[in-house]
Amino acid sequence: STQSTWGAFVPALYKMACICRHQEAEGRLLQCSQCSCWLHCLCLGLLEHDEVPEVYKCGRCKIARAAERRLQKGV
């Protein structure tokens, strides 16, 4: 299994949804705090020595949240 920021990635339990579209769980991974998908740290521009955020939202969740806020405001 691949080591991630939060532990071991288990393909049967989690989904890869990286911006690179590759399904291989290689290298450091980061999990979206909202939808629980996993992304490669390198694809997000995070190098091996970089700190990772404790709470991370993937691009899809950020876009969905922004759209939700616009709807709430009636924009």
Protein backbone atom coordinates (compact mmCIF):
# COMPACT_ATOMS: atom_id res chain seq x y z
CA SER A 1 0.00 0.00 0.00
CA THR A 2 1.07 3.59 -0.54
CA GLN A 3 1.82 5.86 2.39
CA SER A 4 -0.23 9.01 2.56
CA THR A 5 -0.43 11.94 4.87
CA TRP A 6 -3.05 10.11 6.93
CA GLY A 7 -1.92 6.49 6.64
CA ALA A 8 -2.14 3.70 4.13
CA PHE A 9 -4.18 4.02 0.95
CA VAL A 10 -6.41 0.97 0.48
CA PRO A 11 -7.76 0.89 -3.12
CA ALA A 12 -10.84 -1.14 -2.19
CA LEU A 13 -11.91 1.50 0.34
CA TYR A 14 -10.95 4.79 -1.32
CA LYS A 15 -11.08 6.34 -4.76
CA MET A 16 -8.31 8.06 -6.68
CA ALA A 17 -9.55 11.24 -8.34
CA CYS A 18 -6.34 13.06 -9.10
CA ILE A 19 -6.16 15.91 -11.60
CA CYS A 20 -3.73 13.78 -13.66
CA ARG A 21 -6.49 11.17 -14.11
CA HIS A 22 -4.10 8.31 -13.36
CA GLN A 23 -5.55 5.74 -10.99
CA GLU A 24 -2.21 4.54 -9.63
CA ALA A 25 -1.70 5.32 -5.95
CA GLU A 26 2.01 6.11 -6.16
CA GLY A 27 4.05 8.41 -3.95
CA ARG A 28 2.59 10.74 -1.35
CA LEU A 29 -1.16 11.15 -1.47
CA LEU A 30 -3.51 13.78 -0.10
CA GLN A 31 -7.15 13.12 0.72
CA CYS A 32 -9.97 15.61 0.18
CA SER A 33 -11.58 16.36 3.53
CA GLN A 34 -15.00 16.68 1.93
CA CYS A 35 -15.43 13.91 -0.67
CA SER A 36 -12.59 11.61 0.55
CA CYS A 37 -11.00 11.22 -2.89
CA TRP A 38 -7.22 10.89 -3.08
CA LEU A 39 -4.81 12.98 -5.16
CA HIS A 40 -1.05 12.76 -5.80
CA CYS A 41 0.83 15.42 -3.83
CA LEU A 42 3.19 16.00 -6.77
CA CYS A 43 0.24 16.74 -9.07
CA LEU A 44 -0.84 19.41 -6.58
CA GLY A 45 2.63 20.94 -6.55
CA LEU A 46 3.55 19.58 -3.12
CA LEU A 47 7.08 18.19 -2.93
CA GLU A 48 8.24 15.46 -0.55
CA HIS A 49 9.46 17.94 2.06
CA ASP A 50 6.45 20.31 1.82
CA GLU A 51 3.94 20.54 4.62
CA VAL A 52 0.46 19.42 3.67
CA PRO A 53 -2.66 21.16 4.92
CA GLU A 54 -4.60 19.46 7.70
CA VAL A 55 -7.85 20.23 5.88
CA TYR A 56 -7.75 20.00 2.09
CA LYS A 57 -10.60 20.34 -0.40
CA CYS A 58 -10.14 19.15 -3.97
CA GLY A 59 -10.96 21.41 -6.90
CA ARG A 60 -14.33 19.79 -7.51
CA CYS A 61 -15.41 20.35 -3.92
CA LYS A 62 -14.18 23.96 -3.97
CA ILE A 63 -16.18 24.64 -7.16
CA ALA A 64 -19.27 22.92 -5.74
CA ARG A 65 -19.02 24.96 -2.53
CA ALA A 66 -18.62 28.24 -4.46
CA ALA A 67 -21.68 27.41 -6.58
CA GLU A 68 -23.64 26.56 -3.44
CA ARG A 69 -22.72 29.93 -1.91
CA ARG A 70 -23.81 31.76 -5.09
CA LEU A 71 -27.16 29.99 -5.00
CA GLN A 72 -27.64 30.90 -1.36
CA LYS A 73 -26.96 34.57 -2.18
CA GLY A 74 -29.30 34.42 -5.18
CA VAL A 75 -26.58 35.35 -7.67
